[in-house]
Amino acid sequence: MEYLAYGVLVLTYLGLGLGYWPGYRMNRAAIALTGAALLIVLGVLDFEGAWRALEPHTLGFLFGVMVLNAHLGYAGFFQLFLYRLVRLAHSPLGMLVWLTFGTGILSALFLNDTIAILFSPLVLSLSRALGLPPVPYLLALAGATNVGSVATLTGNPQNIVVGSLSKIGYLDFALALGPVALLGLLVQVVLLYALYPAVRSRAPLPPLPSFRFRYSRPLLLKGAAVALGLLGAFLLGYPLAQAALVAAGLLLWSRRLRSERFFSRVDWELLVLFAGLFMVTAAVQALGLLEGVAPLVTTPLSLMLATVGLSNLISNVPAVLLMHPLVAPGDTQGWLLLAAASTLAGNLTLLGSVANLIVAEAARREGYRLGFLEHLRFGLPLTLLTLFLAYVWIYR
């Protein structure tokens, strides 16, 4: 039975890395939940143990942020933000800079995958209308959503996991990794400037084309008020999950939007994926598989390299859940390095993060090709340089 359990774990993590099981129509959420169910059948976990493995602070925090993003999406906030951003850019180079830093900062405040989903078609349509090559701006979007999300606990799912497990405060986390994100965004601009001559131009852009989107002032005001209140609660040290759930309740109490519309935009698959991963990770610990790995991860550098490798093999959230038992509860620097390495590793290859795949798929639908090698010549140096910055900054 133990060997069968090992086989289930291998197949589960293989599926998580590939994003599917060959011959089966299953995504990562289904694979994680199926793996957890099989491990329960094999007796590695009982049902109560699997239920206790769920991390309610992570799941509650993630759900609350998703409801806030849904409300702001219906209010037209993200589209309005990009429109204002482009109006500030007076040249191709200016658009590169504003897009990089604007989407990076927005990704730090909200989930980076949300920004990638909403902005990809908009960046494509705007770059075409302005006569600009879309690929460098799509790379700027993908890279900035990853690099910018390093800065805060709300930037991406793996940061949420780290925050819930380490108990690092929102402000402490932002003060520690915010400079890494800002320097990383600057590095990204320099790389794209060097790789794509078309973005170096300072010639004036043509007039901005008509940019139609739905916009609701009352919804925007309510969403902004709740978002600012939530940010204030985070900065004052209020429990993150509790604050996020209170914010979600305030937004769901609405006379303008049906509750079904909120729930239709909640990424239930991501929540199921997290639940399955918590159970699978508990099984890994129950089998004692990390005992053989622990002697190999004894230094910050080995922790960073192992996290980067696992993040590109099985995805960043599973990597964080596997690696976190190797970080001591009070080792703040270790937790920060785990968060930074798992996030920045997402830029290494096209398959390294969901945001990359979202942007590439949006380009494909519009007839543009953002291939593996095209991304690699940008993503490889960006990953190496930002990881170096993160390591030096954290252990300065």
Protein backbone atom coordinates (compact mmCIF):
# COMPACT_ATOMS: atom_id res chain seq x y z
CA MET A 1 0.00 0.00 0.00
CA GLU A 2 2.90 2.33 0.74
CA TYR A 3 4.34 1.81 -2.74
CA LEU A 4 0.91 2.48 -4.23
CA ALA A 5 0.80 5.73 -2.25
CA TYR A 6 4.20 6.71 -3.67
CA GLY A 7 2.86 5.99 -7.16
CA VAL A 8 -0.19 8.16 -6.55
CA LEU A 9 2.01 11.03 -5.37
CA VAL A 10 4.27 10.74 -8.42
CA LEU A 11 1.29 10.77 -10.78
CA THR A 12 -0.31 13.65 -8.90
CA TYR A 13 2.75 15.89 -9.04
CA LEU A 14 3.40 14.87 -12.66
CA GLY A 15 -0.12 15.99 -13.53
CA LEU A 16 0.31 19.21 -11.59
CA GLY A 17 3.50 19.95 -13.51
CA LEU A 18 2.01 19.19 -16.92
CA GLY A 19 -1.38 20.69 -16.14
CA TYR A 20 -3.14 17.52 -17.31
CA TRP A 21 -2.98 13.73 -17.36
CA PRO A 22 -2.40 12.37 -20.89
CA GLY A 23 -5.63 10.88 -22.19
CA TYR A 24 -7.81 12.44 -19.49
CA ARG A 25 -9.76 15.69 -19.53
CA MET A 26 -8.63 16.82 -16.09
CA ASN A 27 -7.12 20.11 -15.00
CA ARG A 28 -4.86 20.74 -12.01
CA ALA A 29 -7.76 21.13 -9.57
CA ALA A 30 -9.25 17.78 -10.57
CA ILE A 31 -5.84 16.10 -10.42
CA ALA A 32 -5.11 17.43 -6.91
CA LEU A 33 -8.52 16.40 -5.57
CA THR A 34 -8.35 12.97 -7.22
CA GLY A 35 -4.87 12.40 -5.82
CA ALA A 36 -6.10 13.35 -2.34
CA ALA A 37 -9.06 10.98 -2.65
CA LEU A 38 -6.83 8.07 -3.68
CA LEU A 39 -4.48 8.74 -0.77
CA ILE A 40 -7.47 8.58 1.59
CA VAL A 41 -8.54 5.27 0.03
CA LEU A 42 -5.00 3.91 0.53
CA GLY A 43 -5.13 4.86 4.22
CA VAL A 44 -2.35 7.45 4.15
CA LEU A 45 -4.89 9.94 5.52
CA ASP A 46 -8.29 9.41 7.08
CA PHE A 47 -11.12 11.75 6.17
CA GLU A 48 -10.86 13.73 9.39
CA GLY A 49 -7.12 14.12 8.90
CA ALA A 50 -7.65 15.30 5.34
CA TRP A 51 -10.22 17.83 6.54
CA ARG A 52 -7.86 19.12 9.23
CA ALA A 53 -5.17 19.58 6.57
CA LEU A 54 -7.18 22.40 4.98
CA GLU A 55 -5.77 25.81 5.87
CA PRO A 56 -8.85 28.02 6.54
CA HIS A 57 -6.89 31.28 6.71
CA THR A 58 -5.51 30.78 3.20
CA LEU A 59 -8.86 29.71 1.71
CA GLY A 60 -10.82 32.49 3.43
CA PHE A 61 -8.29 35.15 2.45
CA LEU A 62 -8.24 33.98 -1.16
CA PHE A 63 -12.04 33.91 -1.39
CA GLY A 64 -12.39 37.43 0.01
CA VAL A 65 -9.86 38.87 -2.46
CA MET A 66 -11.65 37.12 -5.33
CA VAL A 67 -14.99 38.73 -4.39
CA LEU A 68 -13.32 42.16 -4.25
CA ASN A 69 -11.76 41.60 -7.68
CA ALA A 70 -15.14 40.54 -9.07
CA HIS A 71 -16.80 43.70 -7.78
CA LEU A 72 -14.08 45.96 -9.17
CA GLY A 73 -14.26 44.12 -12.49
CA TYR A 74 -18.01 44.77 -12.80
CA ALA A 75 -17.44 48.41 -11.79
CA GLY A 76 -15.01 48.85 -14.72
CA PHE A 77 -12.08 49.71 -12.44
CA PHE A 78 -9.41 47.67 -14.22
CA GLN A 79 -10.37 48.87 -17.70
CA LEU A 80 -10.47 52.48 -16.48
CA PHE A 81 -7.06 52.06 -14.86
CA LEU A 82 -5.48 50.81 -18.10
CA TYR A 83 -7.14 53.58 -20.10
CA ARG A 84 -5.70 56.22 -17.77
CA LEU A 85 -2.34 54.49 -17.88
CA VAL A 86 -2.14 54.58 -21.67
CA ARG A 87 -3.12 58.25 -21.72
CA LEU A 88 -0.03 59.00 -19.62
CA ALA A 89 2.20 57.33 -22.22
CA HIS A 90 3.19 59.72 -25.02
CA SER A 91 5.57 57.35 -26.84
CA PRO A 92 6.22 53.60 -27.33
CA LEU A 93 8.89 53.77 -24.63
CA GLY A 94 6.54 55.62 -22.31
CA MET A 95 3.88 52.98 -22.85
CA LEU A 96 6.38 50.24 -21.95
CA VAL A 97 7.35 52.01 -18.72
CA TRP A 98 3.81 52.89 -17.64
CA LEU A 99 2.46 49.45 -18.53
CA THR A 100 5.24 47.70 -16.62
CA PHE A 101 5.00 49.72 -13.43
CA GLY A 102 1.22 50.19 -13.58
CA THR A 103 0.39 46.50 -13.95
CA GLY A 104 3.14 45.58 -11.49
CA ILE A 105 1.71 47.82 -8.77
CA LEU A 106 -1.83 46.68 -9.52
CA SER A 107 -0.71 43.04 -9.28
CA ALA A 108 0.73 43.76 -5.85
CA LEU A 109 -2.67 44.94 -4.63
CA PHE A 110 -4.80 42.30 -6.33
CA LEU A 111 -4.19 38.76 -7.56
CA ASN A 112 -1.77 38.77 -10.49
CA ASP A 113 -3.74 36.23 -12.54
CA THR A 114 -6.75 38.56 -12.45
CA ILE A 115 -4.68 41.36 -13.95
CA ALA A 116 -3.34 39.04 -16.67
CA ILE A 117 -6.85 37.86 -17.60
CA LEU A 118 -8.36 41.35 -17.78
CA PHE A 119 -5.45 43.21 -19.36
CA SER A 120 -4.26 40.76 -22.04
CA PRO A 121 -7.01 41.46 -24.62
CA LEU A 122 -6.90 45.18 -23.82
CA VAL A 123 -3.14 45.42 -24.33
CA LEU A 124 -3.47 43.54 -27.61
CA SER A 125 -6.20 45.79 -28.97
CA LEU A 126 -4.46 48.99 -27.84
CA SER A 127 -1.05 48.05 -29.23
CA ARG A 128 -2.60 47.17 -32.61
CA ALA A 129 -4.64 50.37 -32.73
CA LEU A 130 -1.54 52.43 -31.92
CA GLY A 131 0.55 50.59 -34.54
CA LEU A 132 2.88 49.00 -31.98
CA PRO A 133 4.21 45.42 -31.99
CA PRO A 134 2.16 43.52 -29.38
CA VAL A 135 4.76 40.92 -28.29
CA PRO A 136 7.08 43.15 -26.19
CA TYR A 137 4.08 44.72 -24.46
CA LEU A 138 2.56 41.30 -23.78
CA LEU A 139 5.90 40.20 -22.30
CA ALA A 140 5.88 43.37 -20.20
CA LEU A 141 2.40 42.48 -18.94
CA ALA A 142 3.29 38.86 -18.12
CA GLY A 143 6.59 39.73 -16.46
CA ALA A 144 5.19 42.65 -14.46
CA THR A 145 2.27 40.64 -13.08
CA ASN A 146 4.77 38.13 -11.69
CA VAL A 147 7.46 40.56 -10.51
CA GLY A 148 5.01 43.11 -9.09
CA SER A 149 3.08 40.47 -7.17
CA VAL A 150 6.21 39.73 -5.09
CA ALA A 151 5.61 42.91 -3.11
CA THR A 152 2.58 41.95 -1.00
CA LEU A 153 0.69 39.05 0.52
CA THR A 154 -2.28 39.76 -1.78
CA GLY A 155 -0.14 39.66 -4.93
CA ASN A 156 -0.47 35.95 -5.72
CA PRO A 157 -1.71 32.66 -4.24
CA GLN A 158 1.69 31.44 -3.06
CA ASN A 159 2.25 34.65 -1.09
CA ILE A 160 -1.13 34.10 0.55
CA VAL A 161 0.01 30.63 1.61
CA VAL A 162 3.30 31.99 2.98
CA GLY A 163 1.49 34.74 4.89
CA SER A 164 -0.98 32.30 6.43
CA LEU A 165 1.69 29.81 7.49
CA SER A 166 4.42 32.23 8.59
CA LYS A 167 2.17 34.83 10.30
CA ILE A 168 4.24 37.64 8.76
CA GLY A 169 2.22 40.86 8.81
CA TYR A 170 1.07 42.57 5.62
CA LEU A 171 3.13 45.71 6.23
CA ASP A 172 6.25 43.79 7.27
CA PHE A 173 6.02 41.66 4.13
CA ALA A 174 5.54 44.71 1.89
CA LEU A 175 8.44 46.60 3.46
CA ALA A 176 10.67 43.55 3.02
CA LEU A 177 9.84 42.64 -0.58
CA GLY A 178 8.39 45.85 -2.04
CA PRO A 179 11.87 47.16 -3.01
CA VAL A 180 12.63 43.84 -4.73
CA ALA A 181 9.49 44.23 -6.84
CA LEU A 182 10.27 47.84 -7.81
CA LEU A 183 13.87 47.03 -8.75
CA GLY A 184 12.68 43.96 -10.64
CA LEU A 185 10.25 46.04 -12.69
CA LEU A 186 13.08 48.43 -13.56
CA VAL A 187 15.23 45.47 -14.65
CA GLN A 188 12.37 44.28 -16.84
CA VAL A 189 12.12 47.65 -18.62
CA VAL A 190 15.86 47.62 -19.31
CA LEU A 191 15.73 44.07 -20.71
CA LEU A 192 12.82 44.79 -23.03
CA TYR A 193 14.51 48.02 -24.13
CA ALA A 194 17.61 45.99 -25.04
CA LEU A 195 15.75 43.13 -26.75
CA TYR A 196 13.14 45.04 -28.79
CA PRO A 197 14.28 48.13 -30.75
CA ALA A 198 10.66 49.05 -31.54
CA VAL A 199 9.95 49.99 -27.91
CA ARG A 200 12.89 52.42 -27.73
CA SER A 201 11.14 55.07 -29.79
CA ARG A 202 10.22 58.35 -28.15
CA ALA A 203 8.16 59.49 -31.12
CA PRO A 204 4.66 60.71 -30.22
CA LEU A 205 1.93 58.07 -30.28
CA PRO A 206 -1.07 58.59 -32.59
CA PRO A 207 -4.33 59.77 -30.97
CA LEU A 208 -5.77 57.21 -28.58
CA PRO A 209 -8.55 55.23 -30.29
CA SER A 210 -12.05 54.92 -28.87
CA PHE A 211 -11.91 52.65 -25.86
CA ARG A 212 -15.35 51.40 -24.87
CA PHE A 213 -15.99 49.65 -21.60
CA ARG A 214 -18.70 49.43 -18.96
CA TYR A 215 -18.22 51.79 -16.08
CA SER A 216 -20.40 52.23 -12.98
CA ARG A 217 -19.54 55.13 -10.71
CA PRO A 218 -21.59 53.90 -7.68
CA LEU A 219 -20.04 50.42 -7.88
CA LEU A 220 -16.58 51.92 -8.32
CA LEU A 221 -16.98 54.17 -5.27
CA LYS A 222 -18.20 51.31 -3.11
CA GLY A 223 -15.44 49.00 -4.32
CA ALA A 224 -12.78 51.66 -3.77
CA ALA A 225 -14.07 52.36 -0.24
CA VAL A 226 -14.06 48.67 0.70
CA ALA A 227 -10.63 48.14 -0.91
CA LEU A 228 -9.13 51.08 1.01
CA GLY A 229 -10.74 49.86 4.21
CA LEU A 230 -9.34 46.37 3.62
CA LEU A 231 -5.87 47.77 2.95
CA GLY A 232 -6.11 49.83 6.14
CA ALA A 233 -7.09 46.71 8.11
CA PHE A 234 -4.09 44.85 6.67
CA LEU A 235 -1.71 47.67 7.58
CA LEU A 236 -3.11 47.87 11.13
CA GLY A 237 -2.46 44.17 11.64
CA TYR A 238 -6.06 42.92 11.55
CA PRO A 239 -6.21 39.16 10.78
CA LEU A 240 -5.94 38.87 6.99
CA ALA A 241 -8.54 36.16 6.36
CA GLN A 242 -11.03 37.74 8.73
CA ALA A 243 -10.62 41.16 7.11
CA ALA A 244 -11.02 39.70 3.61
CA LEU A 245 -14.21 37.84 4.56
CA VAL A 246 -15.69 40.97 6.14
CA ALA A 247 -14.90 42.89 2.95
CA ALA A 248 -16.54 40.15 0.86
CA GLY A 249 -19.67 40.32 3.03
CA LEU A 250 -19.92 44.09 2.60
CA LEU A 251 -19.60 43.77 -1.18
CA LEU A 252 -22.11 40.92 -1.41
CA TRP A 253 -24.63 43.11 0.46
CA SER A 254 -25.68 44.83 -2.74
CA ARG A 255 -28.81 46.14 -4.42
CA ARG A 256 -27.10 46.57 -7.81
CA LEU A 257 -25.44 43.22 -8.46
CA ARG A 258 -26.96 39.79 -8.02
CA SER A 259 -24.96 37.48 -5.78
CA GLU A 260 -24.79 34.99 -8.65
CA ARG A 261 -22.69 37.46 -10.63
CA PHE A 262 -20.13 37.66 -7.85
CA PHE A 263 -19.97 33.91 -7.46
CA SER A 264 -19.65 33.37 -11.22
CA ARG A 265 -16.33 35.24 -11.11
CA VAL A 266 -14.93 33.48 -8.06
CA ASP A 267 -12.26 31.03 -9.21
CA TRP A 268 -13.73 27.95 -7.56
CA GLU A 269 -11.24 25.74 -9.39
CA LEU A 270 -8.37 27.53 -7.65
CA LEU A 271 -10.02 27.01 -4.25
CA VAL A 272 -10.52 23.30 -5.03
CA LEU A 273 -6.89 23.10 -6.18
CA PHE A 274 -5.73 24.57 -2.86
CA ALA A 275 -7.91 22.16 -0.88
CA GLY A 276 -6.55 19.17 -2.78
CA LEU A 277 -2.97 20.38 -2.42
CA PHE A 278 -3.30 20.82 1.33
CA MET A 279 -4.46 17.19 1.59
CA VAL A 280 -1.73 15.86 -0.71
CA THR A 281 0.92 17.78 1.23
CA ALA A 282 -0.36 16.31 4.49
CA ALA A 283 0.07 12.86 2.92
CA VAL A 284 3.67 13.69 1.93
CA GLN A 285 4.38 14.64 5.54
CA ALA A 286 2.61 11.53 6.87
CA LEU A 287 4.82 9.32 4.69
CA GLY A 288 7.94 11.11 5.94
CA LEU A 289 9.16 11.93 2.43
CA LEU A 290 10.59 15.30 3.42
CA GLU A 291 12.99 13.73 5.91
CA GLY A 292 15.32 12.74 3.08
CA VAL A 293 15.16 16.19 1.50
CA ALA A 294 15.76 18.25 4.64
CA PRO A 295 19.55 17.54 4.81
CA LEU A 296 19.89 18.86 1.25
CA VAL A 297 18.19 22.19 2.04
CA THR A 298 20.41 23.57 4.76
CA THR A 299 21.35 27.01 3.41
CA PRO A 300 19.36 29.94 2.01
CA LEU A 301 20.91 29.37 -1.42
CA SER A 302 19.88 25.70 -1.49
CA LEU A 303 16.37 26.68 -0.36
CA MET A 304 16.12 29.20 -3.20
CA LEU A 305 17.42 26.80 -5.85
CA ALA A 306 15.16 23.96 -4.69
CA THR A 307 12.14 26.27 -4.69
CA VAL A 308 12.90 27.58 -8.18
CA GLY A 309 13.36 24.06 -9.53
CA LEU A 310 10.19 22.69 -7.94
CA SER A 311 8.17 25.76 -9.00
CA ASN A 312 8.98 25.05 -12.63
CA LEU A 313 8.42 21.31 -12.28
CA ILE A 314 5.15 21.15 -10.35
CA SER A 315 4.03 24.84 -10.23
CA ASN A 316 4.68 27.41 -7.52
CA VAL A 317 1.84 26.78 -5.06
CA PRO A 318 2.55 23.02 -4.76
CA ALA A 319 6.25 23.88 -4.43
CA VAL A 320 5.59 26.25 -1.51
CA LEU A 321 3.38 23.69 0.22
CA LEU A 322 6.09 21.05 -0.16
CA MET A 323 8.97 23.28 0.94
CA HIS A 324 7.38 25.13 3.86
CA PRO A 325 8.04 22.40 6.48
CA LEU A 326 11.75 22.95 5.81
CA VAL A 327 11.54 26.60 6.93
CA ALA A 328 11.60 27.18 10.68
CA PRO A 329 8.51 29.00 12.07
CA GLY A 330 10.53 32.02 13.22
CA ASP A 331 12.83 32.22 10.19
CA THR A 332 11.38 35.37 8.63
CA GLN A 333 14.14 35.63 6.02
CA GLY A 334 13.55 32.01 4.98
CA TRP A 335 9.83 32.61 4.53
CA LEU A 336 10.46 35.76 2.50
CA LEU A 337 12.95 33.90 0.30
CA LEU A 338 10.45 31.08 -0.22
CA ALA A 339 7.79 33.56 -1.34
CA ALA A 340 10.15 35.54 -3.60
CA ALA A 341 11.80 32.50 -5.21
CA SER A 342 8.51 30.72 -5.96
CA THR A 343 7.06 33.88 -7.54
CA LEU A 344 10.08 35.07 -9.51
CA ALA A 345 10.64 31.52 -10.81
CA GLY A 346 7.38 31.97 -12.72
CA ASN A 347 9.16 34.16 -15.27
CA LEU A 348 11.76 31.53 -16.15
CA THR A 349 9.76 29.78 -18.88
CA LEU A 350 6.44 30.24 -20.63
CA LEU A 351 5.06 27.36 -18.54
CA GLY A 352 6.37 28.79 -15.28
CA SER A 353 3.22 30.66 -14.25
CA VAL A 354 -0.46 30.81 -15.07
CA ALA A 355 -0.11 34.52 -15.96
CA ASN A 356 2.35 33.65 -18.75
CA LEU A 357 -0.04 31.09 -20.21
CA ILE A 358 -2.98 33.49 -20.02
CA VAL A 359 -1.07 36.13 -21.99
CA ALA A 360 0.23 33.62 -24.56
CA GLU A 361 -3.24 32.19 -25.12
CA ALA A 362 -4.74 35.67 -25.57
CA ALA A 363 -2.06 36.41 -28.19
CA ARG A 364 -2.75 33.13 -30.01
CA ARG A 365 -6.47 33.87 -30.26
CA GLU A 366 -5.65 37.18 -31.96
CA GLY A 367 -3.19 35.62 -34.42
CA TYR A 368 0.09 36.48 -32.65
CA ARG A 369 2.62 33.90 -31.52
CA LEU A 370 4.34 34.19 -28.16
CA GLY A 371 6.40 31.01 -28.24
CA PHE A 372 8.56 29.21 -25.70
CA LEU A 373 11.90 30.47 -27.04
CA GLU A 374 10.60 34.01 -27.52
CA HIS A 375 9.64 34.08 -23.87
CA LEU A 376 12.82 32.30 -22.72
CA ARG A 377 15.23 34.92 -24.08
CA PHE A 378 13.39 37.49 -21.96
CA GLY A 379 12.35 35.32 -19.01
CA LEU A 380 15.70 33.62 -18.33
CA PRO A 381 17.77 36.79 -17.71
CA LEU A 382 14.85 38.44 -15.91
CA THR A 383 14.52 35.48 -13.53
CA LEU A 384 18.25 35.24 -12.81
CA LEU A 385 18.63 38.97 -12.18
CA THR A 386 15.53 39.31 -9.99
CA LEU A 387 16.43 36.20 -7.96
CA PHE A 388 19.87 37.69 -7.37
CA LEU A 389 18.28 40.96 -6.26
CA ALA A 390 15.89 39.16 -3.93
CA TYR A 391 18.61 37.04 -2.35
CA VAL A 392 20.96 39.97 -1.78
CA TRP A 393 18.18 42.20 -0.45
CA ILE A 394 16.75 39.65 1.98
CA TYR A 395 20.14 38.61 3.36
CA ARG A 396 21.83 42.03 3.20
